[in-house]
Amino acid sequence: MDLLTTAGSWCGGPGFWQFGGGHGWGGWFLPFHFGGVLPILALGLVVYFTVRMFRKPASQTGPDDAEEILRERFARGEIDAQAFHAMKKELGRP
C-alpha cells in the first residue's frame, strides 16, 4: 500500500492529504528522522541482549562478613588468641 501511495505522488498527484508527495506530514519527515534511528536502536538491543546472554554472571556472595575476616586474621597470625576471642565476643553483640 505504501508503494502505491508513493508511486501516485511521483506521478504528479497532490499526495496524502494534499501535503505533497510521500507519506504525509510533509513528505519525508518520518523516514528522515526515524529511518536511521530505528535500525540503530534495533542493532543496539541485539548487541545488548547478546552480551547479556553470554556474559558471566556477577558473584552474588558480596563482601566477607566480619567474623570470617577475623578468622582469617587469626589464621595469618595478625592477632593472638586472646584478641581473637575478645573481638569475636564483641561481634556477637547486637
PDB file of N, CA and C in Angstrom:
ATOM      1  N   MET A   1       0.826  -1.192   0.000  1.00  0.00           N
ATOM      2  CA  MET A   1       0.000   0.000   0.000  1.00  0.00           C
ATOM      3  C   MET A   1       0.873   1.260   0.000  1.00  0.00           C
ATOM      4  N   ASP A   2       1.923   1.218   0.779  1.00  0.00           N
ATOM      5  CA  ASP A   2       2.825   2.364   0.860  1.00  0.00           C
ATOM      6  C   ASP A   2       3.464   2.644  -0.502  1.00  0.00           C
ATOM      7  N   LEU A   3       3.783   1.570  -1.211  1.00  0.00           N
ATOM      8  CA  LEU A   3       4.386   1.727  -2.535  1.00  0.00           C
ATOM      9  C   LEU A   3       3.418   2.401  -3.498  1.00  0.00           C
ATOM     10  N   LEU A   4       2.124   2.043  -3.402  1.00  0.00           N
ATOM     11  CA  LEU A   4       1.133   2.658  -4.281  1.00  0.00           C
ATOM     12  C   LEU A   4       0.967   4.144  -3.978  1.00  0.00           C
ATOM     13  N   THR A   5       0.983   4.509  -2.702  1.00  0.00           N
ATOM     14  CA  THR A   5       0.863   5.918  -2.328  1.00  0.00           C
ATOM     15  C   THR A   5       2.056   6.713  -2.842  1.00  0.00           C
ATOM     16  N   THR A   6       3.238   6.151  -2.670  1.00  0.00           N
ATOM     17  CA  THR A   6       4.446   6.828  -3.136  1.00  0.00           C
ATOM     18  C   THR A   6       4.467   6.918  -4.655  1.00  0.00           C
ATOM     19  N   ALA A   7       4.070   5.835  -5.330  1.00  0.00           N
ATOM     20  CA  ALA A   7       4.051   5.848  -6.794  1.00  0.00           C
ATOM     21  C   ALA A   7       3.061   6.882  -7.306  1.00  0.00           C
ATOM     22  N   GLY A   8       1.918   7.015  -6.633  1.00  0.00           N
ATOM     23  CA  GLY A   8       0.933   8.018  -7.045  1.00  0.00           C
ATOM     24  C   GLY A   8       1.465   9.427  -6.904  1.00  0.00           C
ATOM     25  N   SER A   9       2.239   9.672  -5.869  1.00  0.00           N
ATOM     26  CA  SER A   9       2.780  11.019  -5.676  1.00  0.00           C
ATOM     27  C   SER A   9       3.894  11.317  -6.680  1.00  0.00           C
ATOM     28  N   TRP A  10       4.610  10.296  -7.123  1.00  0.00           N
ATOM     29  CA  TRP A  10       5.657  10.511  -8.122  1.00  0.00           C
ATOM     30  C   TRP A  10       5.068  10.873  -9.483  1.00  0.00           C
ATOM     31  N   CYS A  11       3.851  10.429  -9.690  1.00  0.00           N
ATOM     32  CA  CYS A  11       3.212  10.700 -10.979  1.00  0.00           C
ATOM     33  C   CYS A  11       2.567  12.084 -11.018  1.00  0.00           C
ATOM     34  N   GLY A  12       2.795  12.885 -10.033  1.00  0.00           N
ATOM     35  CA  GLY A  12       2.313  14.258 -10.079  1.00  0.00           C
ATOM     36  C   GLY A  12       1.054  14.496  -9.272  1.00  0.00           C
ATOM     37  N   GLY A  13       0.582  13.498  -8.529  1.00  0.00           N
ATOM     38  CA  GLY A  13      -0.613  13.686  -7.714  1.00  0.00           C
ATOM     39  C   GLY A  13      -0.325  14.588  -6.529  1.00  0.00           C
ATOM     40  N   PRO A  14      -1.378  15.089  -5.885  1.00  0.00           N
ATOM     41  CA  PRO A  14      -1.173  16.006  -4.765  1.00  0.00           C
ATOM     42  C   PRO A  14      -0.633  15.331  -3.515  1.00  0.00           C
ATOM     43  N   GLY A  15      -0.693  14.014  -3.446  1.00  0.00           N
ATOM     44  CA  GLY A  15      -0.140  13.316  -2.290  1.00  0.00           C
ATOM     45  C   GLY A  15      -1.152  13.129  -1.177  1.00  0.00           C
ATOM     46  N   PHE A  16      -0.697  12.598  -0.115  1.00  0.00           N
ATOM     47  CA  PHE A  16      -1.530  12.254   1.033  1.00  0.00           C
ATOM     48  C   PHE A  16      -2.009  13.526   1.721  1.00  0.00           C
ATOM     49  N   TRP A  17      -3.296  13.748   1.770  1.00  0.00           N
ATOM     50  CA  TRP A  17      -3.930  14.909   2.408  1.00  0.00           C
ATOM     51  C   TRP A  17      -3.374  16.230   1.880  1.00  0.00           C
ATOM     52  N   GLN A  18      -3.035  16.266   0.651  1.00  0.00           N
ATOM     53  CA  GLN A  18      -2.571  17.474  -0.026  1.00  0.00           C
ATOM     54  C   GLN A  18      -1.239  18.010   0.510  1.00  0.00           C
ATOM     55  N   PHE A  19      -0.422  17.160   1.118  1.00  0.00           N
ATOM     56  CA  PHE A  19       0.867  17.598   1.650  1.00  0.00           C
ATOM     57  C   PHE A  19       2.012  17.397   0.669  1.00  0.00           C
ATOM     58  N   GLY A  20       1.733  17.020  -0.524  1.00  0.00           N
ATOM     59  CA  GLY A  20       2.802  16.756  -1.468  1.00  0.00           C
ATOM     60  C   GLY A  20       3.155  15.277  -1.448  1.00  0.00           C
ATOM     61  N   GLY A  21       4.137  14.901  -2.224  1.00  0.00           N
ATOM     62  CA  GLY A  21       4.486  13.504  -2.351  1.00  0.00           C
ATOM     63  C   GLY A  21       5.059  12.910  -1.087  1.00  0.00           C
ATOM     64  N   GLY A  22       4.838  11.638  -0.911  1.00  0.00           N
ATOM     65  CA  GLY A  22       5.445  10.952   0.227  1.00  0.00           C
ATOM     66  C   GLY A  22       4.422  10.361   1.171  1.00  0.00           C
ATOM     67  N   HIS A  23       4.742  10.370   2.425  1.00  0.00           N
ATOM     68  CA  HIS A  23       3.981   9.645   3.429  1.00  0.00           C
ATOM     69  C   HIS A  23       3.117  10.546   4.298  1.00  0.00           C
ATOM     70  N   GLY A  24       2.820  11.739   3.910  1.00  0.00           N
ATOM     71  CA  GLY A  24       2.089  12.662   4.764  1.00  0.00           C
ATOM     72  C   GLY A  24       3.074  13.370   5.675  1.00  0.00           C
ATOM     73  N   TRP A  25       2.605  14.270   6.478  1.00  0.00           N
ATOM     74  CA  TRP A  25       3.436  15.024   7.412  1.00  0.00           C
ATOM     75  C   TRP A  25       4.621  15.668   6.697  1.00  0.00           C
ATOM     76  N   GLY A  26       4.394  16.191   5.537  1.00  0.00           N
ATOM     77  CA  GLY A  26       5.461  16.904   4.844  1.00  0.00           C
ATOM     78  C   GLY A  26       6.349  16.025   4.001  1.00  0.00           C
ATOM     79  N   GLY A  27       5.854  14.920   3.523  1.00  0.00           N
ATOM     80  CA  GLY A  27       6.646  14.091   2.628  1.00  0.00           C
ATOM     81  C   GLY A  27       7.568  13.141   3.354  1.00  0.00           C
ATOM     82  N   TRP A  28       8.837  13.473   3.477  1.00  0.00           N
ATOM     83  CA  TRP A  28       9.841  12.551   4.007  1.00  0.00           C
ATOM     84  C   TRP A  28      10.158  12.801   5.475  1.00  0.00           C
ATOM     85  N   PHE A  29       9.261  13.417   6.214  1.00  0.00           N
ATOM     86  CA  PHE A  29       9.531  13.761   7.610  1.00  0.00           C
ATOM     87  C   PHE A  29       9.838  12.526   8.456  1.00  0.00           C
ATOM     88  N   LEU A  30       8.948  11.549   8.466  1.00  0.00           N
ATOM     89  CA  LEU A  30       9.160  10.370   9.317  1.00  0.00           C
ATOM     90  C   LEU A  30      10.340   9.516   8.866  1.00  0.00           C
ATOM     91  N   PRO A  31      10.448   9.170   7.603  1.00  0.00           N
ATOM     92  CA  PRO A  31      11.612   8.358   7.230  1.00  0.00           C
ATOM     93  C   PRO A  31      12.930   9.072   7.469  1.00  0.00           C
ATOM     94  N   PHE A  32      12.948  10.395   7.325  1.00  0.00           N
ATOM     95  CA  PHE A  32      14.198  11.126   7.530  1.00  0.00           C
ATOM     96  C   PHE A  32      14.637  11.068   8.988  1.00  0.00           C
ATOM     97  N   HIS A  33      13.711  11.278   9.912  1.00  0.00           N
ATOM     98  CA  HIS A  33      14.080  11.323  11.324  1.00  0.00           C
ATOM     99  C   HIS A  33      14.190   9.939  11.959  1.00  0.00           C
ATOM    100  N   PHE A  34      13.290   9.035  11.610  1.00  0.00           N
ATOM    101  CA  PHE A  34      13.277   7.735  12.272  1.00  0.00           C
ATOM    102  C   PHE A  34      13.920   6.637  11.439  1.00  0.00           C
ATOM    103  N   GLY A  35      14.185   6.900  10.187  1.00  0.00           N
ATOM    104  CA  GLY A  35      14.767   5.880   9.331  1.00  0.00           C
ATOM    105  C   GLY A  35      16.142   5.441   9.777  1.00  0.00           C
ATOM    106  N   GLY A  36      16.932   6.335  10.339  1.00  0.00           N
ATOM    107  CA  GLY A  36      18.259   5.969  10.819  1.00  0.00           C
ATOM    108  C   GLY A  36      18.275   5.578  12.276  1.00  0.00           C
ATOM    109  N   VAL A  37      17.293   6.060  13.041  1.00  0.00           N
ATOM    110  CA  VAL A  37      17.275   5.804  14.481  1.00  0.00           C
ATOM    111  C   VAL A  37      16.798   4.390  14.791  1.00  0.00           C
ATOM    112  N   LEU A  38      15.752   3.950  14.125  1.00  0.00           N
ATOM    113  CA  LEU A  38      15.191   2.638  14.440  1.00  0.00           C
ATOM    114  C   LEU A  38      16.156   1.483  14.158  1.00  0.00           C
ATOM    115  N   PRO A  39      16.851   1.445  13.021  1.00  0.00           N
ATOM    116  CA  PRO A  39      17.824   0.365  12.832  1.00  0.00           C
ATOM    117  C   PRO A  39      18.964   0.402  13.845  1.00  0.00           C
ATOM    118  N   ILE A  40      19.412   1.602  14.209  1.00  0.00           N
ATOM    119  CA  ILE A  40      20.474   1.706  15.217  1.00  0.00           C
ATOM    120  C   ILE A  40      19.967   1.219  16.564  1.00  0.00           C
ATOM    121  N   LEU A  41      18.735   1.580  16.917  1.00  0.00           N
ATOM    122  CA  LEU A  41      18.135   1.122  18.167  1.00  0.00           C
ATOM    123  C   LEU A  41      17.976  -0.399  18.170  1.00  0.00           C
ATOM    124  N   ALA A  42      17.511  -0.955  17.063  1.00  0.00           N
ATOM    125  CA  ALA A  42      17.352  -2.405  16.970  1.00  0.00           C
ATOM    126  C   ALA A  42      18.702  -3.110  17.084  1.00  0.00           C
ATOM    127  N   LEU A  43      19.713  -2.593  16.415  1.00  0.00           N
ATOM    128  CA  LEU A  43      21.048  -3.183  16.499  1.00  0.00           C
ATOM    129  C   LEU A  43      21.591  -3.089  17.920  1.00  0.00           C
ATOM    130  N   GLY A  44      21.377  -1.950  18.571  1.00  0.00           N
ATOM    131  CA  GLY A  44      21.813  -1.788  19.958  1.00  0.00           C
ATOM    132  C   GLY A  44      21.150  -2.793  20.885  1.00  0.00           C
ATOM    133  N   LEU A  45      19.858  -3.039  20.693  1.00  0.00           N
ATOM    134  CA  LEU A  45      19.154  -4.024  21.522  1.00  0.00           C
ATOM    135  C   LEU A  45      19.681  -5.434  21.279  1.00  0.00           C
ATOM    136  N   VAL A  46      19.960  -5.761  20.028  1.00  0.00           N
ATOM    137  CA  VAL A  46      20.514  -7.085  19.720  1.00  0.00           C
ATOM    138  C   VAL A  46      21.872  -7.255  20.390  1.00  0.00           C
ATOM    139  N   VAL A  47      22.729  -6.250  20.294  1.00  0.00           N
ATOM    140  CA  VAL A  47      24.052  -6.319  20.923  1.00  0.00           C
ATOM    141  C   VAL A  47      23.915  -6.429  22.435  1.00  0.00           C
ATOM    142  N   TYR A  48      23.042  -5.617  23.028  1.00  0.00           N
ATOM    143  CA  TYR A  48      22.854  -5.635  24.485  1.00  0.00           C
ATOM    144  C   TYR A  48      22.428  -7.020  24.970  1.00  0.00           C
ATOM    145  N   PHE A  49      21.406  -7.603  24.339  1.00  0.00           N
ATOM    146  CA  PHE A  49      20.917  -8.896  24.799  1.00  0.00           C
ATOM    147  C   PHE A  49      21.896 -10.023  24.487  1.00  0.00           C
ATOM    148  N   THR A  50      22.665  -9.904  23.404  1.00  0.00           N
ATOM    149  CA  THR A  50      23.679 -10.914  23.105  1.00  0.00           C
ATOM    150  C   THR A  50      24.781 -10.887  24.153  1.00  0.00           C
ATOM    151  N   VAL A  51      25.264  -9.706  24.495  1.00  0.00           N
ATOM    152  CA  VAL A  51      26.302  -9.589  25.528  1.00  0.00           C
ATOM    153  C   VAL A  51      25.769 -10.075  26.864  1.00  0.00           C
ATOM    154  N   ARG A  52      24.548  -9.710  27.182  1.00  0.00           N
ATOM    155  CA  ARG A  52      23.955 -10.118  28.461  1.00  0.00           C
ATOM    156  C   ARG A  52      23.781 -11.633  28.537  1.00  0.00           C
ATOM    157  N   MET A  53      23.484 -12.267  27.395  1.00  0.00           N
ATOM    158  CA  MET A  53      23.272 -13.705  27.382  1.00  0.00           C
ATOM    159  C   MET A  53      24.583 -14.469  27.602  1.00  0.00           C
ATOM    160  N   PHE A  54      25.684 -13.971  27.045  1.00  0.00           N
ATOM    161  CA  PHE A  54      26.941 -14.702  27.113  1.00  0.00           C
ATOM    162  C   PHE A  54      27.881 -14.227  28.214  1.00  0.00           C
ATOM    163  N   ARG A  55      27.539 -13.165  28.908  1.00  0.00           N
ATOM    164  CA  ARG A  55      28.399 -12.644  29.965  1.00  0.00           C
ATOM    165  C   ARG A  55      28.285 -13.524  31.204  1.00  0.00           C
ATOM    166  N   LYS A  56      29.408 -13.715  31.860  1.00  0.00           N
ATOM    167  CA  LYS A  56      29.438 -14.491  33.091  1.00  0.00           C
ATOM    168  C   LYS A  56      28.721 -13.697  34.187  1.00  0.00           C
ATOM    169  N   PRO A  57      27.805 -14.324  34.911  1.00  0.00           N
ATOM    170  CA  PRO A  57      27.084 -13.576  35.947  1.00  0.00           C
ATOM    171  C   PRO A  57      28.007 -13.120  37.065  1.00  0.00           C
ATOM    172  N   ALA A  58      27.687 -11.981  37.622  1.00  0.00           N
ATOM    173  CA  ALA A  58      28.478 -11.427  38.719  1.00  0.00           C
ATOM    174  C   ALA A  58      28.290 -12.273  39.966  1.00  0.00           C
ATOM    175  N   SER A  59      29.274 -12.253  40.814  1.00  0.00           N
ATOM    176  CA  SER A  59      29.218 -13.012  42.056  1.00  0.00           C
ATOM    177  C   SER A  59      28.138 -12.440  42.958  1.00  0.00           C
ATOM    178  N   GLN A  60      27.373 -13.326  43.561  1.00  0.00           N
ATOM    179  CA  GLN A  60      26.284 -12.910  44.434  1.00  0.00           C
ATOM    180  C   GLN A  60      26.660 -13.007  45.907  1.00  0.00           C
ATOM    181  N   THR A  61      27.918 -13.323  46.204  1.00  0.00           N
ATOM    182  CA  THR A  61      28.297 -13.558  47.595  1.00  0.00           C
ATOM    183  C   THR A  61      28.430 -12.275  48.387  1.00  0.00           C
ATOM    184  N   GLY A  62      28.859 -11.204  47.774  1.00  0.00           N
ATOM    185  CA  GLY A  62      29.025  -9.949  48.489  1.00  0.00           C
ATOM    186  C   GLY A  62      30.297  -9.960  49.311  1.00  0.00           C
ATOM    187  N   PRO A  63      30.498  -8.935  50.122  1.00  0.00           N
ATOM    188  CA  PRO A  63      31.724  -8.863  50.922  1.00  0.00           C
ATOM    189  C   PRO A  63      31.713  -9.891  52.052  1.00  0.00           C
ATOM    190  N   ASP A  64      32.929 -10.251  52.507  1.00  0.00           N
ATOM    191  CA  ASP A  64      33.044 -11.200  53.609  1.00  0.00           C
ATOM    192  C   ASP A  64      32.437 -10.604  54.865  1.00  0.00           C
ATOM    193  N   ASP A  65      31.882 -11.485  55.677  1.00  0.00           N
ATOM    194  CA  ASP A  65      31.361 -10.968  56.936  1.00  0.00           C
ATOM    195  C   ASP A  65      32.513 -10.764  57.917  1.00  0.00           C
ATOM    196  N   ALA A  66      32.251 -10.030  58.964  1.00  0.00           N
ATOM    197  CA  ALA A  66      33.304  -9.617  59.896  1.00  0.00           C
ATOM    198  C   ALA A  66      33.941 -10.807  60.606  1.00  0.00           C
ATOM    199  N   GLU A  67      33.142 -11.808  60.936  1.00  0.00           N
ATOM    200  CA  GLU A  67      33.695 -12.957  61.654  1.00  0.00           C
ATOM    201  C   GLU A  67      34.655 -13.752  60.770  1.00  0.00           C
ATOM    202  N   GLU A  68      34.338 -13.852  59.489  1.00  0.00           N
ATOM    203  CA  GLU A  68      35.232 -14.542  58.557  1.00  0.00           C
ATOM    204  C   GLU A  68      36.558 -13.793  58.432  1.00  0.00           C
ATOM    205  N   ILE A  69      36.505 -12.484  58.356  1.00  0.00           N
ATOM    206  CA  ILE A  69      37.730 -11.679  58.296  1.00  0.00           C
ATOM    207  C   ILE A  69      38.542 -11.866  59.573  1.00  0.00           C
ATOM    208  N   LEU A  70      37.847 -11.917  60.708  1.00  0.00           N
ATOM    209  CA  LEU A  70      38.525 -12.123  61.993  1.00  0.00           C
ATOM    210  C   LEU A  70      39.238 -13.478  62.020  1.00  0.00           C
ATOM    211  N   ARG A  71      38.566 -14.523  61.513  1.00  0.00           N
ATOM    212  CA  ARG A  71      39.195 -15.856  61.462  1.00  0.00           C
ATOM    213  C   ARG A  71      40.434 -15.843  60.568  1.00  0.00           C
ATOM    214  N   GLU A  72      40.337 -15.164  59.432  1.00  0.00           N
ATOM    215  CA  GLU A  72      41.488 -15.092  58.528  1.00  0.00           C
ATOM    216  C   GLU A  72      42.664 -14.362  59.184  1.00  0.00           C
ATOM    217  N   ARG A  73      42.395 -13.283  59.881  1.00  0.00           N
ATOM    218  CA  ARG A  73      43.471 -12.544  60.568  1.00  0.00           C
ATOM    219  C   ARG A  73      44.122 -13.410  61.646  1.00  0.00           C
ATOM    220  N   PHE A  74      43.314 -14.193  62.362  1.00  0.00           N
ATOM    221  CA  PHE A  74      43.849 -15.087  63.392  1.00  0.00           C
ATOM    222  C   PHE A  74      44.692 -16.190  62.747  1.00  0.00           C
ATOM    223  N   ALA A  75      44.226 -16.722  61.625  1.00  0.00           N
ATOM    224  CA  ALA A  75      44.961 -17.781  60.933  1.00  0.00           C
ATOM    225  C   ALA A  75      46.293 -17.265  60.380  1.00  0.00           C
ATOM    226  N   ARG A  76      46.348 -16.027  59.947  1.00  0.00           N
ATOM    227  CA  ARG A  76      47.597 -15.453  59.438  1.00  0.00           C
ATOM    228  C   ARG A  76      48.538 -15.031  60.558  1.00  0.00           C
ATOM    229  N   GLY A  77      48.052 -15.027  61.786  1.00  0.00           N
ATOM    230  CA  GLY A  77      48.891 -14.651  62.912  1.00  0.00           C
ATOM    231  C   GLY A  77      48.922 -13.159  63.187  1.00  0.00           C
ATOM    232  N   GLU A  78      48.015 -12.418  62.600  1.00  0.00           N
ATOM    233  CA  GLU A  78      47.978 -10.977  62.829  1.00  0.00           C
ATOM    234  C   GLU A  78      47.493 -10.645  64.241  1.00  0.00           C
ATOM    235  N   ILE A  79      46.651 -11.506  64.799  1.00  0.00           N
ATOM    236  CA  ILE A  79      46.146 -11.296  66.164  1.00  0.00           C
ATOM    237  C   ILE A  79      46.336 -12.586  66.948  1.00  0.00           C
ATOM    238  N   ASP A  80      46.449 -12.472  68.269  1.00  0.00           N
ATOM    239  CA  ASP A  80      46.617 -13.671  69.102  1.00  0.00           C
ATOM    240  C   ASP A  80      45.241 -14.187  69.524  1.00  0.00           C
ATOM    241  N   ALA A  81      45.248 -15.317  70.258  1.00  0.00           N
ATOM    242  CA  ALA A  81      44.002 -15.975  70.650  1.00  0.00           C
ATOM    243  C   ALA A  81      43.158 -15.087  71.562  1.00  0.00           C
ATOM    244  N   GLN A  82      43.817 -14.383  72.466  1.00  0.00           N
ATOM    245  CA  GLN A  82      43.078 -13.527  73.394  1.00  0.00           C
ATOM    246  C   GLN A  82      42.342 -12.411  72.626  1.00  0.00           C
ATOM    247  N   ALA A  83      43.020 -11.766  71.672  1.00  0.00           N
ATOM    248  CA  ALA A  83      42.388 -10.712  70.870  1.00  0.00           C
ATOM    249  C   ALA A  83      41.282 -11.296  69.983  1.00  0.00           C
ATOM    250  N   PHE A  84      41.536 -12.510  69.451  1.00  0.00           N
ATOM    251  CA  PHE A  84      40.528 -13.168  68.615  1.00  0.00           C
ATOM    252  C   PHE A  84      39.241 -13.384  69.391  1.00  0.00           C
ATOM    253  N   HIS A  85      39.345 -13.976  70.596  1.00  0.00           N
ATOM    254  CA  HIS A  85      38.144 -14.263  71.389  1.00  0.00           C
ATOM    255  C   HIS A  85      37.451 -12.978  71.845  1.00  0.00           C
ATOM    256  N   ALA A  86      38.222 -11.956  72.179  1.00  0.00           N
ATOM    257  CA  ALA A  86      37.622 -10.685  72.598  1.00  0.00           C
ATOM    258  C   ALA A  86      36.859 -10.036  71.435  1.00  0.00           C
ATOM    259  N   MET A  87      37.456 -10.053  70.252  1.00  0.00           N
ATOM    260  CA  MET A  87      36.793  -9.448  69.093  1.00  0.00           C
ATOM    261  C   MET A  87      35.583 -10.268  68.659  1.00  0.00           C
ATOM    262  N   LYS A  88      35.704 -11.592  68.747  1.00  0.00           N
ATOM    263  CA  LYS A  88      34.580 -12.446  68.378  1.00  0.00           C
ATOM    264  C   LYS A  88      33.410 -12.221  69.326  1.00  0.00           C
ATOM    265  N   LYS A  89      33.712 -12.068  70.617  1.00  0.00           N
ATOM    266  CA  LYS A  89      32.668 -11.797  71.603  1.00  0.00           C
ATOM    267  C   LYS A  89      32.012 -10.448  71.308  1.00  0.00           C
ATOM    268  N   GLU A  90      32.822  -9.472  70.933  1.00  0.00           N
ATOM    269  CA  GLU A  90      32.299  -8.133  70.617  1.00  0.00           C
ATOM    270  C   GLU A  90      31.415  -8.160  69.368  1.00  0.00           C
ATOM    271  N   LEU A  91      31.786  -8.981  68.400  1.00  0.00           N
ATOM    272  CA  LEU A  91      30.980  -9.080  67.179  1.00  0.00           C
ATOM    273  C   LEU A  91      29.634  -9.743  67.436  1.00  0.00           C
ATOM    274  N   GLY A  92      29.576 -10.604  68.431  1.00  0.00           N
ATOM    275  CA  GLY A  92      28.333 -11.299  68.738  1.00  0.00           C
ATOM    276  C   GLY A  92      27.278 -10.411  69.360  1.00  0.00           C
ATOM    277  N   ARG A  93      27.673  -9.244  69.827  1.00  0.00           N
ATOM    278  CA  ARG A  93      26.708  -8.331  70.452  1.00  0.00           C
ATOM    279  C   ARG A  93      25.960  -7.546  69.379  1.00  0.00           C
ATOM    280  N   PRO A  94      24.653  -7.309  69.605  1.00  0.00           N
ATOM    281  CA  PRO A  94      23.878  -6.539  68.615  1.00  0.00           C
ATOM    282  C   PRO A  94      24.177  -5.065  68.639  1.00  0.00           C
TER     283      PRO A  94
END
